[in-house]
Amino acid sequence: MRRLYDATTRMPWLVFSVLFGFISLGFNNCSEPFRAKSLGSSAPSSMQVLGLKTVSDLKFYTRLTKGEYRYVTRDLLDGMSAGTISDMDNVINGFTENLYDGSYKNHTLVNTYPNIEKDQFEFARKLAGYFVSSNLFKRLCPAAGSCADSLLQNLLPRMWKKSLSTQEQANLKNFYNSYTTADRDFYFLFRVFASPFFHYKIFNANEGDPLKRSFKIGNLLSYYITGSYPDDELQNDIEAGKLVDEQVIRDHVERLLQASPVRFAEMFVLQWLKVSTLMSSTTKYKNVFVSDIMLEPALIFAQLMGDGDYISSLMELKYNVVNPGLAGLYGISGITSGWSRGQGTKTLFGTAFMSYLTADHDTDNPNPIRRGSYVVNYLLCKDIQFPTSAIQEKVDEVVNNAPMDLSPPARMAYFRGFPACASCHDQFDHHGLALEEIGVFGATRTKYYTGHDVVATGRVEGIQFNNSLEFVGKLARSEAFNTCFASQVYNYITSSPYTQGFNAIEKSDVKPAIAGKSIRQVVAEMVVRGLGGL
């Protein structure tokens, strides 16, 4: 039943209170949150030995993210008109996103905001109205009004993050039959899509029942990689209790990564690079939508993963992935629609993505402080220690008194001469200065805005380089960058603190398991470990 048309059935608002009573009853009496432990044995996994939690250890009470709502909607309404999808997207866009403060938002606590129930009811009403005319519904229900058994057996197990007892199924079937033949499909689906078990992932930690462990791991695996409910193959193994076996999990992880590389990339990469919130921006940079600019690294990542390539190629680019707007910025010809590969910037640091984040927009001068701190914080997973507010006055004094005719390297060296500034600048200045030959949109820089020559040679944390592109290549292939990437996949699965996963993996025997591996192999390894294996 993988993953549909056009028609909105409007529902009188007066029935909300009636349906909410049924839904609340289902929430209170139709389930017990599921618990999960390890995959099969009581022995701790290698990650638990390192002091890191796995999915098996975690209690979940999280709402679907906006991205997951969109993916689920598209899977249910596959093949339907763009207007239908846009209508559903407008409802989803009105949701308040999960709280998001430095961790991956698929793990953040539910943000209960005013009118959250009303928003979810409106979503459920519209989705039910469209779904009863969808291709998928027609396959599930060839004869409208007589579909209770099919919906209970084939739809509900995918939509609700719970399994149903025989009595609960009987109660729901009675609910279905309580409406007229013309109305019962809509109202039943409305209840399904309005239920907390549709909107929330509700699982407890340390479940001893293998079937419930399988249910938890299988559902979370599907949402982590595809952003949506399990497909047929995964659902069959969930129901058979097989998602407690490490090899079964690994097989599904690798299969779904191959089937849905763009989905995984959009959910993971945009959060890893800390730009997911910009995907909702409607502003433009150089006449290109910021959301398109932010999407490019994720699409490059997806292409690389599909090619069996390595994470180094995300930094040391073999190609860009562009639409007509981005192609124009990079001087790539022949791109008239959609997204395509094109040779443009040679490195991630020359993309519009990095230009937007780290260059001064008025002058197009890259800012080495912004660029260096971005590298250290997000690509090397180091926790930058910024000065406290207590010494900010001293920092401001140093900045205000700095000579105006200094080149950027000399100006940064001047700041490092003061202890109040050095405590911060020593952490990332040299990384930013090593990239100074790379201008916005991949242009080569030979002069600073001050007229001084750009010189990018030296040694930064063991990397000896004679130019910026050489530095990028060596940084891209460094153990530190590869370990940071692997640790962030793990953090995405388990919501470990940002640097904790990196610090633990760097000191462990996990590194040999990811050394020399492709993106897909590293992702699969860390997802399996995060789910509780190994």
Protein backbone atom coordinates (compact mmCIF):
# COMPACT_ATOMS: atom_id res chain seq x y z
CA MET A 1 0.00 0.00 0.00
CA ARG A 2 2.71 2.41 -0.87
CA ARG A 3 1.86 5.71 -0.94
CA LEU A 4 -3.29 9.88 -4.61
CA TYR A 5 -6.96 13.22 -6.22
CA ASP A 6 -9.35 15.94 -6.03
CA ALA A 7 -12.39 16.64 -3.88
CA THR A 8 -12.93 18.24 -0.55
CA THR A 9 -15.83 17.03 1.53
CA ARG A 10 -16.79 19.82 3.88
CA MET A 11 -17.86 18.76 7.33
CA PRO A 12 -20.15 20.72 9.68
CA TRP A 13 -18.07 22.10 12.53
CA LEU A 14 -20.78 21.01 14.96
CA VAL A 15 -19.65 17.41 14.71
CA PHE A 16 -16.16 18.28 15.97
CA SER A 17 -17.20 17.87 19.58
CA VAL A 18 -18.79 14.50 18.84
CA LEU A 19 -15.78 13.21 16.95
CA PHE A 20 -13.36 14.60 19.50
CA GLY A 21 -15.13 12.56 22.15
CA PHE A 22 -14.60 9.39 20.13
CA ILE A 23 -10.99 10.32 19.36
CA SER A 24 -10.20 11.13 22.97
CA LEU A 25 -11.77 7.84 24.00
CA GLY A 26 -9.53 6.09 21.51
CA PHE A 27 -6.49 7.91 22.85
CA ASN A 28 -7.22 7.01 26.45
CA ASN A 29 -8.45 3.46 26.03
CA CYS A 30 -7.23 2.16 22.67
CA SER A 31 -3.58 1.92 23.41
CA GLU A 32 -0.65 1.59 25.59
CA PRO A 33 2.49 3.46 24.49
CA PHE A 34 5.02 0.98 23.20
CA ARG A 35 8.35 0.34 24.83
CA ALA A 36 11.58 -0.86 23.29
CA LYS A 37 14.84 -2.13 24.63
CA SER A 38 17.65 -3.65 22.58
CA LEU A 39 17.37 -5.66 19.43
CA GLY A 40 17.36 -9.04 21.04
CA SER A 41 19.82 -9.62 23.83
CA SER A 42 20.38 -7.97 27.17
CA ALA A 43 24.01 -7.18 26.32
CA PRO A 44 24.59 -3.46 25.72
CA SER A 45 25.36 -2.30 22.21
CA SER A 46 28.71 -0.74 21.34
CA MET A 47 27.09 2.70 21.44
CA GLN A 48 25.67 2.14 24.92
CA VAL A 49 29.15 1.14 26.07
CA LEU A 50 30.32 4.53 24.79
CA GLY A 51 27.70 6.23 26.94
CA LEU A 52 25.40 7.04 24.02
CA LYS A 53 21.71 6.25 23.98
CA THR A 54 20.08 4.19 21.25
CA VAL A 55 16.49 4.39 20.02
CA SER A 56 15.76 1.39 22.22
CA ASP A 57 16.62 3.46 25.30
CA LEU A 58 14.49 6.44 24.35
CA LYS A 59 10.95 7.39 25.24
CA PHE A 60 9.14 9.18 22.42
CA TYR A 61 6.32 11.65 22.57
CA THR A 62 6.92 13.75 19.49
CA ARG A 63 4.66 15.20 16.85
CA LEU A 64 5.30 14.73 13.15
CA THR A 65 7.52 17.45 11.76
CA LYS A 66 6.23 19.64 8.95
CA GLY A 67 8.39 17.71 6.51
CA GLU A 68 6.91 14.41 7.67
CA TYR A 69 3.36 15.76 7.34
CA ARG A 70 4.17 16.73 3.75
CA TYR A 71 5.66 13.37 2.87
CA VAL A 72 2.78 11.41 4.44
CA THR A 73 0.28 13.59 2.59
CA ARG A 74 2.03 13.09 -0.73
CA ASP A 75 2.20 9.34 -0.21
CA LEU A 76 -1.50 9.14 0.56
CA LEU A 77 -2.48 11.51 -2.25
CA ASP A 78 -0.04 10.22 -4.87
CA GLY A 79 -1.05 11.19 -8.39
CA MET A 80 -3.46 13.91 -7.33
CA SER A 81 -3.44 17.43 -8.70
CA ALA A 82 -0.88 20.03 -7.74
CA GLY A 83 -3.76 22.16 -6.45
CA THR A 84 -4.78 19.44 -4.00
CA ILE A 85 -1.24 19.07 -2.69
CA SER A 86 -0.89 22.85 -2.44
CA ASP A 87 -4.12 23.06 -0.44
CA MET A 88 -2.80 20.49 2.03
CA ASP A 89 0.58 22.24 2.17
CA ASN A 90 -1.14 25.48 3.12
CA VAL A 91 -2.69 23.75 6.12
CA ILE A 92 0.65 22.22 7.11
CA ASN A 93 2.45 25.55 6.72
CA GLY A 94 0.11 26.97 9.34
CA PHE A 95 1.32 24.48 11.93
CA THR A 96 3.78 25.61 14.56
CA GLU A 97 6.91 23.53 14.05
CA ASN A 98 8.28 21.36 16.83
CA LEU A 99 10.53 23.17 19.27
CA TYR A 100 13.97 23.29 17.69
CA ASP A 101 16.99 24.41 19.67
CA GLY A 102 20.21 22.78 18.54
CA SER A 103 18.95 19.19 18.39
CA TYR A 104 17.22 17.34 15.60
CA LYS A 105 13.57 18.35 15.50
CA ASN A 106 12.27 14.83 14.89
CA HIS A 107 13.11 14.32 18.58
CA THR A 108 11.96 17.61 20.10
CA LEU A 109 9.11 17.66 22.56
CA VAL A 110 5.65 18.47 21.32
CA ASN A 111 5.09 22.20 21.07
CA THR A 112 1.53 22.55 22.34
CA TYR A 113 0.39 25.89 21.01
CA PRO A 114 -3.05 27.52 21.01
CA ASN A 115 -5.44 25.91 18.52
CA ILE A 116 -3.22 22.87 17.93
CA GLU A 117 -6.29 20.58 18.04
CA LYS A 118 -8.15 22.82 15.61
CA ASP A 119 -5.20 22.79 13.21
CA GLN A 120 -4.95 19.00 13.36
CA PHE A 121 -8.71 18.64 12.89
CA GLU A 122 -8.65 20.89 9.83
CA PHE A 123 -5.78 18.84 8.41
CA ALA A 124 -7.69 15.60 9.10
CA ARG A 125 -10.91 16.96 7.60
CA LYS A 126 -9.27 18.00 4.36
CA LEU A 127 -7.14 14.90 4.06
CA ALA A 128 -10.14 12.62 4.63
CA GLY A 129 -12.14 14.58 2.06
CA TYR A 130 -9.48 14.21 -0.60
CA PHE A 131 -8.54 10.65 0.28
CA VAL A 132 -12.02 9.18 -0.33
CA SER A 133 -11.56 10.09 -4.01
CA SER A 134 -7.97 8.93 -4.26
CA ASN A 135 -6.53 6.05 -6.25
CA LEU A 136 -5.22 4.44 -3.09
CA PHE A 137 -8.62 4.55 -1.42
CA LYS A 138 -10.20 2.96 -4.49
CA ARG A 139 -7.72 0.12 -4.30
CA LEU A 140 -8.40 -0.35 -0.61
CA CYS A 141 -12.13 0.06 -0.96
CA PRO A 142 -13.60 -1.05 -4.32
CA ALA A 143 -17.15 -0.76 -2.94
CA ALA A 144 -17.61 2.50 -1.04
CA GLY A 145 -19.44 2.20 2.26
CA SER A 146 -18.40 -1.40 2.90
CA CYS A 147 -14.72 -0.97 3.64
CA ALA A 148 -14.35 -1.30 7.41
CA ASP A 149 -12.41 -4.55 7.31
CA SER A 150 -10.04 -3.41 4.57
CA LEU A 151 -9.33 -0.07 6.26
CA LEU A 152 -8.76 -1.72 9.63
CA GLN A 153 -6.43 -4.34 8.21
CA ASN A 154 -4.58 -2.41 5.51
CA LEU A 155 -4.68 1.31 6.40
CA LEU A 156 -4.77 1.70 10.16
CA PRO A 157 -1.64 -0.38 10.87
CA ARG A 158 0.31 2.15 8.75
CA MET A 159 -1.35 5.33 9.96
CA TRP A 160 -1.48 4.80 13.72
CA LYS A 161 1.67 4.30 15.75
CA LYS A 162 -0.03 1.48 17.69
CA SER A 163 -1.50 -1.97 17.16
CA LEU A 164 -5.16 -2.68 17.82
CA SER A 165 -6.68 -5.38 19.98
CA THR A 166 -9.64 -7.40 18.71
CA GLN A 167 -11.99 -5.35 20.89
CA GLU A 168 -10.58 -2.06 19.65
CA GLN A 169 -11.08 -3.18 16.06
CA ALA A 170 -14.67 -4.15 16.86
CA ASN A 171 -15.29 -0.72 18.43
CA LEU A 172 -13.92 1.04 15.39
CA LYS A 173 -15.99 -1.13 13.06
CA ASN A 174 -19.12 -0.21 15.05
CA PHE A 175 -18.12 3.45 14.71
CA TYR A 176 -17.82 2.98 10.94
CA ASN A 177 -21.24 1.32 10.67
CA SER A 178 -22.94 3.98 12.81
CA TYR A 179 -22.93 6.36 9.82
CA THR A 180 -24.92 6.14 6.62
CA THR A 181 -23.35 4.31 3.69
CA ALA A 182 -22.66 7.63 1.96
CA ASP A 183 -20.88 9.16 4.97
CA ARG A 184 -19.16 6.34 6.82
CA ASP A 185 -15.93 6.25 4.80
CA PHE A 186 -15.29 9.96 5.26
CA TYR A 187 -16.06 10.03 8.98
CA PHE A 188 -14.02 6.93 9.66
CA LEU A 189 -11.03 8.40 7.80
CA PHE A 190 -11.54 11.70 9.55
CA ARG A 191 -11.24 9.90 12.85
CA VAL A 192 -8.13 8.05 11.67
CA PHE A 193 -6.38 11.23 10.54
CA ALA A 194 -7.46 13.25 13.59
CA SER A 195 -6.28 10.68 16.12
CA PRO A 196 -3.25 11.45 18.30
CA PHE A 197 -1.86 8.14 17.08
CA PHE A 198 -1.67 9.62 13.59
CA HIS A 199 -0.07 12.90 14.63
CA TYR A 200 2.31 11.66 17.32
CA LYS A 201 5.04 9.07 17.69
CA ILE A 202 4.29 7.61 21.09
CA PHE A 203 6.74 4.98 22.31
CA ASN A 204 8.28 4.20 25.66
CA ALA A 205 11.75 2.87 26.33
CA ASN A 206 12.85 -0.64 27.22
CA GLU A 207 9.97 -2.76 25.93
CA GLY A 208 10.44 -6.46 26.59
CA ASP A 209 7.91 -7.69 24.04
CA PRO A 210 9.69 -8.42 20.70
CA LEU A 211 6.56 -7.57 18.68
CA LYS A 212 6.34 -4.15 20.30
CA ARG A 213 10.06 -3.58 19.84
CA SER A 214 9.64 -4.50 16.18
CA PHE A 215 6.73 -2.07 15.88
CA LYS A 216 8.67 0.81 17.41
CA ILE A 217 11.90 0.26 15.50
CA GLY A 218 10.16 -0.34 12.17
CA ASN A 219 7.99 2.76 12.38
CA LEU A 220 10.80 5.05 13.47
CA LEU A 221 13.11 3.61 10.82
CA SER A 222 10.55 4.44 8.14
CA TYR A 223 10.03 8.00 9.37
CA TYR A 224 13.76 8.64 9.81
CA ILE A 225 14.57 7.67 6.23
CA THR A 226 11.42 8.30 4.16
CA GLY A 227 9.57 10.77 6.38
CA SER A 228 6.47 8.63 6.09
CA TYR A 229 4.67 5.45 7.09
CA PRO A 230 6.12 1.97 6.37
CA ASP A 231 5.86 0.51 2.89
CA ASP A 232 4.56 -3.00 2.20
CA GLU A 233 7.85 -4.81 2.63
CA LEU A 234 8.73 -3.10 5.89
CA GLN A 235 5.20 -3.44 7.27
CA ASN A 236 5.21 -7.17 6.66
CA ASP A 237 8.40 -7.58 8.68
CA ILE A 238 7.12 -5.26 11.42
CA GLU A 239 4.02 -7.40 11.87
CA ALA A 240 6.11 -10.58 11.81
CA GLY A 241 8.25 -9.20 14.64
CA LYS A 242 11.41 -9.26 12.52
CA LEU A 243 12.56 -5.69 13.22
CA VAL A 244 14.46 -6.91 16.27
CA ASP A 245 16.99 -8.68 14.05
CA GLU A 246 20.01 -6.58 13.16
CA GLN A 247 20.41 -7.94 9.64
CA VAL A 248 16.72 -7.39 8.86
CA ILE A 249 17.06 -3.80 10.06
CA ARG A 250 20.20 -3.27 8.00
CA ASP A 251 18.53 -4.68 4.87
CA HIS A 252 15.58 -2.29 5.23
CA VAL A 253 17.82 0.70 5.99
CA GLU A 254 19.90 0.10 2.86
CA ARG A 255 16.81 -0.58 0.72
CA LEU A 256 15.01 2.57 1.85
CA LEU A 257 18.10 4.76 1.49
CA GLN A 258 18.42 3.56 -2.09
CA ALA A 259 14.71 4.16 -2.74
CA SER A 260 14.42 7.56 -1.00
CA PRO A 261 17.80 9.36 -1.08
CA VAL A 262 16.29 12.81 -1.58
CA ARG A 263 13.86 12.44 1.28
CA PHE A 264 16.56 11.34 3.69
CA ALA A 265 18.86 14.11 2.49
CA GLU A 266 16.22 16.81 2.89
CA MET A 267 15.42 15.68 6.43
CA PHE A 268 18.97 15.04 7.63
CA VAL A 269 21.35 17.31 5.71
CA LEU A 270 19.32 20.50 6.16
CA GLN A 271 19.29 19.94 9.92
CA TRP A 272 22.94 18.89 10.11
CA LEU A 273 23.96 22.08 8.28
CA LYS A 274 21.56 24.08 10.48
CA VAL A 275 19.49 25.62 7.68
CA SER A 276 16.21 23.70 7.85
CA THR A 277 14.35 26.73 9.20
CA LEU A 278 15.35 28.69 6.08
CA MET A 279 13.39 26.27 3.90
CA SER A 280 10.24 28.17 4.83
CA SER A 281 11.76 31.50 3.76
CA THR A 282 10.05 33.35 0.91
CA THR A 283 12.90 35.84 0.44
CA LYS A 284 15.42 35.89 -2.39
CA TYR A 285 19.20 36.20 -2.57
CA LYS A 286 20.55 37.39 -5.90
CA ASN A 287 17.04 36.84 -7.32
CA VAL A 288 17.00 33.16 -6.33
CA PHE A 289 14.70 31.88 -3.60
CA VAL A 290 16.61 31.21 -0.39
CA SER A 291 14.75 27.90 -0.03
CA ASP A 292 16.21 26.74 -3.37
CA ILE A 293 19.68 27.86 -2.29
CA MET A 294 19.42 25.90 0.96
CA LEU A 295 18.18 22.82 -0.88
CA GLU A 296 21.23 22.44 -3.14
CA PRO A 297 23.58 20.74 -0.61
CA ALA A 298 20.86 18.21 0.26
CA LEU A 299 20.32 17.38 -3.42
CA ILE A 300 24.07 17.04 -3.97
CA PHE A 301 24.23 14.71 -0.96
CA ALA A 302 21.35 12.62 -2.36
CA GLN A 303 23.06 12.32 -5.76
CA LEU A 304 26.36 11.34 -4.14
CA MET A 305 24.65 8.74 -1.98
CA GLY A 306 22.91 7.27 -5.00
CA ASP A 307 26.23 7.12 -6.86
CA GLY A 308 27.95 5.25 -4.04
CA ASP A 309 30.25 8.23 -3.51
CA TYR A 310 31.98 9.48 -0.37
CA ILE A 311 31.20 12.36 1.98
CA SER A 312 34.40 14.12 0.88
CA SER A 313 32.61 14.85 -2.42
CA LEU A 314 30.07 17.01 -0.59
CA MET A 315 32.86 19.44 0.28
CA GLU A 316 35.14 18.91 -2.73
CA LEU A 317 32.41 19.00 -5.36
CA LYS A 318 32.40 16.92 -8.52
CA TYR A 319 29.26 18.75 -9.60
CA ASN A 320 26.58 21.13 -8.41
CA VAL A 321 22.87 20.35 -8.53
CA VAL A 322 21.08 23.41 -9.88
CA ASN A 323 17.82 24.82 -11.11
CA PRO A 324 17.74 27.66 -13.67
CA GLY A 325 18.21 30.32 -10.98
CA LEU A 326 21.28 28.72 -9.43
CA ALA A 327 22.67 27.84 -12.86
CA GLY A 328 22.62 31.54 -13.69
CA LEU A 329 24.62 32.39 -10.57
CA TYR A 330 27.25 29.77 -11.42
CA GLY A 331 27.43 30.48 -15.14
CA ILE A 332 26.08 27.05 -16.09
CA SER A 333 24.21 27.04 -19.40
CA GLY A 334 21.49 24.76 -20.72
CA ILE A 335 19.41 24.43 -17.52
CA THR A 336 15.89 25.57 -18.37
CA SER A 337 13.74 23.73 -15.82
CA GLY A 338 13.87 21.40 -12.84
CA TRP A 339 17.07 20.35 -11.09
CA SER A 340 20.10 18.99 -12.94
CA ARG A 341 23.77 18.33 -12.37
CA GLY A 342 26.17 20.96 -13.62
CA GLN A 343 29.82 21.80 -13.08
CA GLY A 344 30.00 25.10 -11.27
CA THR A 345 31.81 25.89 -8.04
CA LYS A 346 34.30 23.03 -7.36
CA THR A 347 33.61 23.26 -3.64
CA LEU A 348 30.77 23.62 -1.15
CA PHE A 349 32.34 26.88 0.01
CA GLY A 350 31.69 28.46 -3.37
CA THR A 351 28.01 27.55 -3.54
CA ALA A 352 25.20 30.05 -3.18
CA PHE A 353 24.36 28.16 0.02
CA MET A 354 27.66 29.07 1.66
CA SER A 355 27.77 32.51 0.04
CA TYR A 356 24.41 33.36 1.56
CA LEU A 357 25.46 32.15 5.01
CA THR A 358 29.00 33.50 5.25
CA ALA A 359 29.50 36.42 2.82
CA ASP A 360 28.58 40.06 3.32
CA HIS A 361 25.58 40.48 1.03
CA ASP A 362 26.23 44.14 0.22
CA THR A 363 29.87 43.70 -0.84
CA ASP A 364 30.03 40.00 -1.78
CA ASN A 365 33.13 39.66 0.38
CA PRO A 366 33.35 36.31 2.20
CA ASN A 367 33.62 36.78 5.94
CA PRO A 368 36.44 34.54 7.24
CA ILE A 369 35.12 34.69 10.79
CA ARG A 370 31.68 33.43 9.78
CA ARG A 371 33.14 30.86 7.42
CA GLY A 372 35.71 29.60 9.90
CA SER A 373 33.25 29.30 12.76
CA TYR A 374 30.82 27.45 10.46
CA VAL A 375 33.50 24.92 9.52
CA VAL A 376 34.60 24.31 13.09
CA ASN A 377 31.11 24.12 14.55
CA TYR A 378 29.09 22.24 11.92
CA LEU A 379 31.61 20.39 9.72
CA LEU A 380 34.06 19.41 12.45
CA CYS A 381 31.50 19.12 15.28
CA LYS A 382 33.47 21.21 17.75
CA ASP A 383 31.71 23.17 20.45
CA ILE A 384 32.94 26.73 20.00
CA GLN A 385 33.24 28.60 23.28
CA PHE A 386 32.12 32.18 22.72
CA PRO A 387 33.00 34.96 25.19
CA THR A 388 30.69 35.57 28.09
CA SER A 389 28.60 38.70 28.30
CA ALA A 390 30.81 39.81 31.19
CA ILE A 391 33.72 40.53 28.83
CA GLN A 392 31.68 41.69 25.84
CA GLU A 393 32.34 45.32 26.71
CA LYS A 394 36.08 44.68 26.45
CA VAL A 395 35.58 42.90 23.12
CA ASP A 396 33.60 45.86 21.78
CA GLU A 397 36.37 48.20 22.84
CA VAL A 398 38.99 46.17 20.96
CA VAL A 399 36.84 46.07 17.82
CA ASN A 400 36.11 49.79 17.90
CA ASN A 401 39.79 50.68 18.27
CA ALA A 402 41.12 48.37 15.55
CA PRO A 403 43.06 50.14 12.76
CA MET A 404 40.95 50.51 9.63
CA ASP A 405 43.63 49.85 7.00
CA LEU A 406 44.43 46.28 8.02
CA SER A 407 43.90 43.38 5.64
CA PRO A 408 41.47 40.73 6.93
CA PRO A 409 44.29 38.40 8.09
CA ALA A 410 46.10 41.27 9.81
CA ARG A 411 42.87 42.47 11.40
CA MET A 412 42.13 39.02 12.78
CA ALA A 413 45.71 38.70 14.05
CA TYR A 414 45.21 42.05 15.77
CA PHE A 415 42.13 40.71 17.56
CA ARG A 416 43.97 37.57 18.62
CA GLY A 417 46.51 39.80 20.33
CA PHE A 418 43.95 40.58 23.03
CA PRO A 419 43.06 37.77 25.47
CA ALA A 420 39.38 38.76 25.46
CA CYS A 421 39.23 38.17 21.69
CA ALA A 422 41.82 35.42 21.35
CA SER A 423 39.75 33.00 23.42
CA CYS A 424 37.24 32.97 20.57
CA HIS A 425 39.27 33.79 17.44
CA ASP A 426 41.93 31.16 18.12
CA GLN A 427 39.26 28.51 17.64
CA PHE A 428 38.35 29.26 14.03
CA ASP A 429 40.22 32.16 12.40
CA HIS A 430 42.74 29.97 10.61
CA HIS A 431 40.03 27.77 9.06
CA GLY A 432 38.32 30.83 7.62
CA LEU A 433 41.54 32.38 6.33
CA ALA A 434 42.50 29.12 4.62
CA LEU A 435 39.40 29.50 2.40
CA GLU A 436 39.97 33.11 1.35
CA GLU A 437 40.80 32.36 -2.29
CA ILE A 438 37.25 31.06 -2.76
CA GLY A 439 34.82 33.86 -3.53
CA VAL A 440 31.05 33.95 -3.81
CA PHE A 441 29.59 31.51 -6.35
CA GLY A 442 33.00 29.86 -6.74
CA ALA A 443 34.89 32.85 -8.13
CA THR A 444 38.64 32.91 -7.50
CA ARG A 445 39.80 35.77 -5.28
CA THR A 446 43.26 37.28 -5.64
CA LYS A 447 42.73 40.58 -3.80
CA TYR A 448 41.06 41.57 -0.55
CA TYR A 449 38.70 44.53 -0.49
CA THR A 450 41.60 46.44 1.10
CA GLY A 451 43.76 45.89 -1.98
CA HIS A 452 46.08 43.44 -0.27
CA ASP A 453 46.90 40.15 -2.00
CA VAL A 454 44.98 37.10 -0.87
CA VAL A 455 47.43 34.50 0.43
CA ALA A 456 46.06 31.12 1.49
CA THR A 457 48.97 28.94 2.52
CA GLY A 458 49.99 27.41 5.80
CA ARG A 459 49.02 24.71 8.24
CA VAL A 460 45.74 24.29 10.12
CA GLU A 461 45.31 21.41 12.57
CA GLY A 462 47.72 19.14 10.75
CA ILE A 463 46.58 20.12 7.25
CA GLN A 464 49.42 21.63 5.20
CA PHE A 465 48.19 23.53 2.14
CA ASN A 466 49.42 25.85 -0.60
CA ASN A 467 46.03 27.19 -1.71
CA SER A 468 42.39 27.16 -0.66
CA LEU A 469 41.29 24.31 -2.92
CA GLU A 470 44.08 22.12 -1.58
CA PHE A 471 42.92 22.91 1.95
CA VAL A 472 39.34 21.99 1.01
CA GLY A 473 40.44 18.68 -0.49
CA LYS A 474 42.45 17.68 2.55
CA LEU A 475 39.76 18.85 4.97
CA ALA A 476 37.14 16.90 2.99
CA ARG A 477 39.14 13.70 3.32
CA SER A 478 40.10 14.27 6.95
CA GLU A 479 39.13 11.82 9.64
CA ALA A 480 37.63 14.71 11.64
CA PHE A 481 35.11 15.63 8.91
CA ASN A 482 34.17 12.01 8.26
CA THR A 483 33.70 11.38 11.98
CA CYS A 484 31.61 14.54 12.33
CA PHE A 485 29.36 13.39 9.49
CA ALA A 486 28.92 9.92 11.00
CA SER A 487 28.23 11.33 14.44
CA GLN A 488 25.54 13.64 13.08
CA VAL A 489 23.75 10.74 11.41
CA TYR A 490 23.79 9.06 14.80
CA ASN A 491 22.54 12.22 16.50
CA TYR A 492 19.72 12.48 13.95
CA ILE A 493 18.59 8.98 14.92
CA THR A 494 19.05 9.28 18.69
CA SER A 495 19.04 13.02 19.46
CA SER A 496 22.38 12.84 21.24
CA PRO A 497 23.81 16.26 22.17
CA TYR A 498 25.56 17.86 19.21
CA THR A 499 29.18 17.15 20.13
CA GLN A 500 28.62 14.13 22.39
CA GLY A 501 28.30 11.65 19.55
CA PHE A 502 31.42 13.03 17.87
CA ASN A 503 33.50 12.90 21.04
CA ALA A 504 32.42 9.34 21.82
CA ILE A 505 32.95 8.01 18.30
CA GLU A 506 36.32 9.73 17.94
CA LYS A 507 37.64 7.82 20.96
CA SER A 508 36.10 4.46 20.06
CA ASP A 509 36.44 1.49 17.76
CA VAL A 510 33.53 2.76 15.66
CA LYS A 511 35.87 4.68 13.36
CA PRO A 512 37.30 1.55 11.68
CA ALA A 513 33.72 0.54 10.82
CA ILE A 514 33.19 3.76 8.84
CA ALA A 515 36.69 4.36 7.49
CA GLY A 516 36.80 4.32 3.70
CA LYS A 517 33.05 3.72 3.44
CA SER A 518 30.64 5.42 1.06
CA ILE A 519 27.97 7.85 2.24
CA ARG A 520 25.28 5.19 2.08
CA GLN A 521 27.42 2.68 3.96
CA VAL A 522 28.22 5.18 6.73
CA VAL A 523 24.58 6.24 7.01
CA ALA A 524 23.41 2.63 7.17
CA GLU A 525 26.02 1.78 9.79
CA MET A 526 25.11 4.69 12.04
CA VAL A 527 21.35 4.23 11.59
CA VAL A 528 21.63 0.56 12.57
CA ARG A 529 23.75 1.47 15.58
CA GLY A 530 21.33 4.23 16.53
CA LEU A 531 18.40 1.85 16.36
CA GLY A 532 20.14 -0.38 18.89
CA GLY A 533 22.20 -2.80 16.85
CA LEU A 534 25.86 -3.73 17.15
